[in-house]
Amino acid sequence: MTESQVQEVVDAYAALQGKVESILDIEYGTNISMENKSAGFTHGFVITFADQKGLDDCLPHPAHLEFAKLARARVDDMLMFDYFAKQGASDIE
């Protein structure tokens, strides 16, 4: 991808917070690790929802579907997973 295409995806991702009501927060950034264990991935993105319903409401939302279409057209590969955040060593299962 060109730099402008990368920026287009990043900007579209960031704009989701203003379009999808159930999104509480969005974080993103580029890989800065020196360990060479990123498997070729260059960017990371995190969306925070209050609960499972927030995620469920986001997935079919027209703005999310539009972003997903753009991302699929631009990126070679992606790794996605959903999780409930835990904090601290006592939360490790």
N, C-alpha and C. Protein backbone atom coordinates (compact mmCIF):
# COMPACT_ATOMS: atom_id res chain seq x y z
N MET A 1 0.83 -1.18 0.00
CA MET A 1 0.00 0.00 0.00
C MET A 1 0.88 1.25 0.00
N THR A 2 0.35 2.28 -0.58
CA THR A 2 1.04 3.56 -0.51
C THR A 2 0.80 4.17 0.87
N GLU A 3 1.59 5.15 1.23
CA GLU A 3 1.40 5.83 2.52
C GLU A 3 0.02 6.45 2.62
N SER A 4 -0.47 7.00 1.52
CA SER A 4 -1.80 7.62 1.56
C SER A 4 -2.90 6.58 1.73
N GLN A 5 -2.72 5.38 1.18
CA GLN A 5 -3.70 4.31 1.38
C GLN A 5 -3.68 3.82 2.82
N VAL A 6 -2.50 3.72 3.41
CA VAL A 6 -2.39 3.34 4.82
C VAL A 6 -3.11 4.38 5.66
N GLN A 7 -2.84 5.65 5.39
CA GLN A 7 -3.48 6.72 6.16
C GLN A 7 -4.99 6.72 5.98
N GLU A 8 -5.46 6.37 4.80
CA GLU A 8 -6.90 6.27 4.55
C GLU A 8 -7.54 5.24 5.47
N VAL A 9 -6.90 4.09 5.62
CA VAL A 9 -7.42 3.03 6.50
C VAL A 9 -7.37 3.50 7.96
N VAL A 10 -6.26 4.08 8.37
CA VAL A 10 -6.13 4.57 9.75
C VAL A 10 -7.18 5.64 10.05
N ASP A 11 -7.36 6.58 9.15
CA ASP A 11 -8.35 7.64 9.35
C ASP A 11 -9.77 7.08 9.42
N ALA A 12 -10.07 6.13 8.55
CA ALA A 12 -11.40 5.52 8.56
C ALA A 12 -11.64 4.77 9.86
N TYR A 13 -10.60 4.11 10.36
CA TYR A 13 -10.71 3.40 11.64
C TYR A 13 -10.98 4.39 12.76
N ALA A 14 -10.19 5.44 12.83
CA ALA A 14 -10.34 6.44 13.90
C ALA A 14 -11.72 7.09 13.86
N ALA A 15 -12.29 7.25 12.69
CA ALA A 15 -13.60 7.90 12.53
C ALA A 15 -14.74 7.03 13.04
N LEU A 16 -14.50 5.74 13.24
CA LEU A 16 -15.58 4.87 13.73
C LEU A 16 -16.13 5.34 15.06
N GLN A 17 -15.26 5.88 15.92
CA GLN A 17 -15.73 6.29 17.25
C GLN A 17 -16.82 7.35 17.16
N GLY A 18 -16.79 8.19 16.20
CA GLY A 18 -17.82 9.20 16.05
C GLY A 18 -19.06 8.72 15.32
N LYS A 19 -18.99 7.52 14.77
CA LYS A 19 -20.10 7.00 13.96
C LYS A 19 -20.84 5.84 14.61
N VAL A 20 -20.14 5.03 15.39
CA VAL A 20 -20.75 3.85 16.02
C VAL A 20 -20.95 4.16 17.51
N GLU A 21 -22.19 4.27 17.92
CA GLU A 21 -22.53 4.72 19.26
C GLU A 21 -21.97 3.84 20.36
N SER A 22 -21.83 2.55 20.13
CA SER A 22 -21.41 1.63 21.18
C SER A 22 -19.90 1.63 21.44
N ILE A 23 -19.13 2.33 20.62
CA ILE A 23 -17.68 2.39 20.82
C ILE A 23 -17.36 3.38 21.93
N LEU A 24 -16.70 2.88 22.99
CA LEU A 24 -16.29 3.74 24.09
C LEU A 24 -14.95 4.41 23.83
N ASP A 25 -14.03 3.65 23.22
CA ASP A 25 -12.69 4.18 22.99
C ASP A 25 -12.04 3.44 21.83
N ILE A 26 -11.13 4.12 21.16
CA ILE A 26 -10.35 3.55 20.07
C ILE A 26 -8.89 3.89 20.32
N GLU A 27 -8.04 2.88 20.13
CA GLU A 27 -6.59 3.09 20.20
C GLU A 27 -5.97 2.47 18.96
N TYR A 28 -4.87 3.05 18.50
CA TYR A 28 -4.16 2.47 17.37
C TYR A 28 -2.75 3.00 17.34
N GLY A 29 -1.89 2.26 16.67
CA GLY A 29 -0.50 2.69 16.53
C GLY A 29 0.26 1.75 15.63
N THR A 30 1.50 2.11 15.36
CA THR A 30 2.36 1.28 14.51
C THR A 30 3.32 0.48 15.36
N ASN A 31 3.75 -0.64 14.81
CA ASN A 31 4.68 -1.52 15.51
C ASN A 31 6.02 -0.83 15.70
N ILE A 32 6.50 -0.80 16.93
CA ILE A 32 7.81 -0.23 17.22
C ILE A 32 8.75 -1.26 17.84
N SER A 33 8.32 -2.51 17.89
CA SER A 33 9.12 -3.56 18.52
C SER A 33 10.39 -3.84 17.73
N MET A 34 11.46 -4.09 18.44
CA MET A 34 12.74 -4.45 17.82
C MET A 34 12.94 -5.97 17.83
N GLU A 35 11.97 -6.73 18.33
CA GLU A 35 12.12 -8.17 18.50
C GLU A 35 11.85 -8.97 17.22
N ASN A 36 11.34 -8.32 16.19
CA ASN A 36 11.06 -8.98 14.92
C ASN A 36 10.12 -10.18 15.08
N LYS A 37 9.07 -9.99 15.87
CA LYS A 37 8.08 -11.05 16.09
C LYS A 37 6.67 -10.59 15.71
N SER A 38 6.60 -9.61 14.82
CA SER A 38 5.29 -9.05 14.46
C SER A 38 4.63 -9.80 13.31
N ALA A 39 5.30 -10.82 12.78
CA ALA A 39 4.74 -11.63 11.69
C ALA A 39 4.32 -10.77 10.50
N GLY A 40 5.00 -9.65 10.31
CA GLY A 40 4.71 -8.79 9.17
C GLY A 40 3.64 -7.75 9.42
N PHE A 41 2.99 -7.79 10.56
CA PHE A 41 1.95 -6.81 10.87
C PHE A 41 2.61 -5.49 11.26
N THR A 42 2.07 -4.39 10.77
CA THR A 42 2.67 -3.08 11.00
C THR A 42 1.85 -2.17 11.90
N HIS A 43 0.55 -2.43 12.01
CA HIS A 43 -0.35 -1.56 12.77
C HIS A 43 -1.20 -2.41 13.73
N GLY A 44 -1.52 -1.82 14.87
CA GLY A 44 -2.42 -2.44 15.83
C GLY A 44 -3.58 -1.53 16.12
N PHE A 45 -4.75 -2.11 16.28
CA PHE A 45 -5.98 -1.36 16.51
C PHE A 45 -6.77 -2.03 17.63
N VAL A 46 -7.32 -1.23 18.55
CA VAL A 46 -8.14 -1.76 19.64
C VAL A 46 -9.38 -0.90 19.77
N ILE A 47 -10.52 -1.55 19.85
CA ILE A 47 -11.79 -0.86 20.13
C ILE A 47 -12.30 -1.36 21.46
N THR A 48 -12.75 -0.44 22.33
CA THR A 48 -13.30 -0.81 23.62
C THR A 48 -14.81 -0.58 23.62
N PHE A 49 -15.51 -1.60 24.09
CA PHE A 49 -16.96 -1.55 24.25
C PHE A 49 -17.28 -1.78 25.72
N ALA A 50 -18.43 -1.33 26.16
CA ALA A 50 -18.84 -1.53 27.55
C ALA A 50 -19.14 -3.00 27.83
N ASP A 51 -19.63 -3.70 26.81
CA ASP A 51 -20.06 -5.08 27.04
C ASP A 51 -20.21 -5.80 25.70
N GLN A 52 -20.62 -7.05 25.77
CA GLN A 52 -20.79 -7.86 24.57
C GLN A 52 -21.82 -7.24 23.63
N LYS A 53 -22.87 -6.65 24.19
CA LYS A 53 -23.90 -6.03 23.35
C LYS A 53 -23.30 -4.91 22.50
N GLY A 54 -22.37 -4.14 23.06
CA GLY A 54 -21.71 -3.09 22.31
C GLY A 54 -20.99 -3.62 21.09
N LEU A 55 -20.27 -4.72 21.27
CA LEU A 55 -19.59 -5.38 20.14
C LEU A 55 -20.62 -5.90 19.15
N ASP A 56 -21.64 -6.56 19.67
CA ASP A 56 -22.68 -7.11 18.79
C ASP A 56 -23.36 -6.03 17.96
N ASP A 57 -23.56 -4.85 18.56
CA ASP A 57 -24.19 -3.74 17.84
C ASP A 57 -23.25 -3.14 16.79
N CYS A 58 -21.96 -3.19 17.04
CA CYS A 58 -20.98 -2.58 16.12
C CYS A 58 -20.84 -3.39 14.83
N LEU A 59 -20.78 -4.70 14.95
CA LEU A 59 -20.45 -5.53 13.79
C LEU A 59 -21.34 -5.30 12.57
N PRO A 60 -22.67 -5.20 12.73
CA PRO A 60 -23.52 -4.96 11.54
C PRO A 60 -23.74 -3.48 11.23
N HIS A 61 -23.15 -2.60 12.02
CA HIS A 61 -23.36 -1.15 11.83
C HIS A 61 -22.84 -0.74 10.45
N PRO A 62 -23.59 0.06 9.70
CA PRO A 62 -23.15 0.47 8.35
C PRO A 62 -21.75 1.09 8.32
N ALA A 63 -21.39 1.89 9.32
CA ALA A 63 -20.05 2.51 9.33
C ALA A 63 -18.97 1.45 9.50
N HIS A 64 -19.23 0.44 10.33
CA HIS A 64 -18.25 -0.63 10.51
C HIS A 64 -18.13 -1.47 9.24
N LEU A 65 -19.25 -1.75 8.61
CA LEU A 65 -19.22 -2.53 7.37
C LEU A 65 -18.47 -1.78 6.27
N GLU A 66 -18.65 -0.46 6.21
CA GLU A 66 -17.93 0.35 5.24
C GLU A 66 -16.42 0.33 5.51
N PHE A 67 -16.04 0.44 6.80
CA PHE A 67 -14.63 0.37 7.16
C PHE A 67 -14.06 -1.01 6.80
N ALA A 68 -14.78 -2.07 7.13
CA ALA A 68 -14.30 -3.42 6.86
C ALA A 68 -14.08 -3.64 5.36
N LYS A 69 -14.97 -3.11 4.55
CA LYS A 69 -14.81 -3.22 3.10
C LYS A 69 -13.54 -2.52 2.63
N LEU A 70 -13.31 -1.32 3.13
CA LEU A 70 -12.10 -0.57 2.78
C LEU A 70 -10.85 -1.32 3.25
N ALA A 71 -10.86 -1.78 4.48
CA ALA A 71 -9.69 -2.48 5.03
C ALA A 71 -9.38 -3.75 4.24
N ARG A 72 -10.40 -4.53 3.94
CA ARG A 72 -10.17 -5.77 3.17
C ARG A 72 -9.60 -5.48 1.79
N ALA A 73 -9.98 -4.35 1.20
CA ALA A 73 -9.47 -3.99 -0.12
C ALA A 73 -8.03 -3.49 -0.07
N ARG A 74 -7.57 -3.05 1.10
CA ARG A 74 -6.26 -2.44 1.21
C ARG A 74 -5.18 -3.34 1.83
N VAL A 75 -5.55 -4.15 2.80
CA VAL A 75 -4.53 -4.91 3.54
C VAL A 75 -4.38 -6.32 3.01
N ASP A 76 -3.15 -6.83 3.11
CA ASP A 76 -2.88 -8.19 2.65
C ASP A 76 -3.40 -9.23 3.63
N ASP A 77 -3.26 -8.95 4.92
CA ASP A 77 -3.63 -9.92 5.94
C ASP A 77 -3.96 -9.18 7.22
N MET A 78 -4.77 -9.77 8.06
CA MET A 78 -5.08 -9.19 9.35
C MET A 78 -5.32 -10.28 10.36
N LEU A 79 -5.12 -9.96 11.60
CA LEU A 79 -5.36 -10.86 12.72
C LEU A 79 -6.35 -10.15 13.62
N MET A 80 -7.48 -10.78 13.88
CA MET A 80 -8.51 -10.15 14.69
C MET A 80 -8.95 -11.12 15.77
N PHE A 81 -9.17 -10.59 16.97
CA PHE A 81 -9.80 -11.39 18.02
C PHE A 81 -10.49 -10.47 19.00
N ASP A 82 -11.49 -11.01 19.67
CA ASP A 82 -12.26 -10.28 20.67
C ASP A 82 -11.93 -10.88 22.03
N TYR A 83 -11.91 -10.05 23.06
CA TYR A 83 -11.61 -10.55 24.40
C TYR A 83 -12.23 -9.64 25.44
N PHE A 84 -12.43 -10.18 26.64
CA PHE A 84 -12.83 -9.39 27.79
C PHE A 84 -11.55 -9.06 28.53
N ALA A 85 -11.26 -7.78 28.73
CA ALA A 85 -10.01 -7.35 29.35
C ALA A 85 -9.95 -7.78 30.81
N LYS A 86 -8.79 -8.22 31.20
CA LYS A 86 -8.48 -8.57 32.58
C LYS A 86 -7.33 -7.67 32.99
N GLN A 87 -7.23 -7.38 34.27
CA GLN A 87 -6.14 -6.55 34.75
C GLN A 87 -5.47 -7.22 35.93
N GLY A 88 -4.15 -7.20 35.94
CA GLY A 88 -3.40 -7.73 37.06
C GLY A 88 -3.18 -9.22 37.01
N ALA A 89 -2.19 -9.68 37.71
CA ALA A 89 -1.82 -11.10 37.71
C ALA A 89 -2.93 -11.97 38.29
N SER A 90 -3.73 -11.45 39.21
CA SER A 90 -4.78 -12.25 39.81
C SER A 90 -5.90 -12.58 38.83
N ASP A 91 -5.96 -11.87 37.71
CA ASP A 91 -6.99 -12.12 36.70
C ASP A 91 -6.56 -13.14 35.65
N ILE A 92 -5.30 -13.57 35.67
CA ILE A 92 -4.82 -14.51 34.67
C ILE A 92 -5.42 -15.88 34.94
N GLU A 93 -6.03 -16.43 33.92
CA GLU A 93 -6.67 -17.75 34.06
C GLU A 93 -5.77 -18.84 33.57
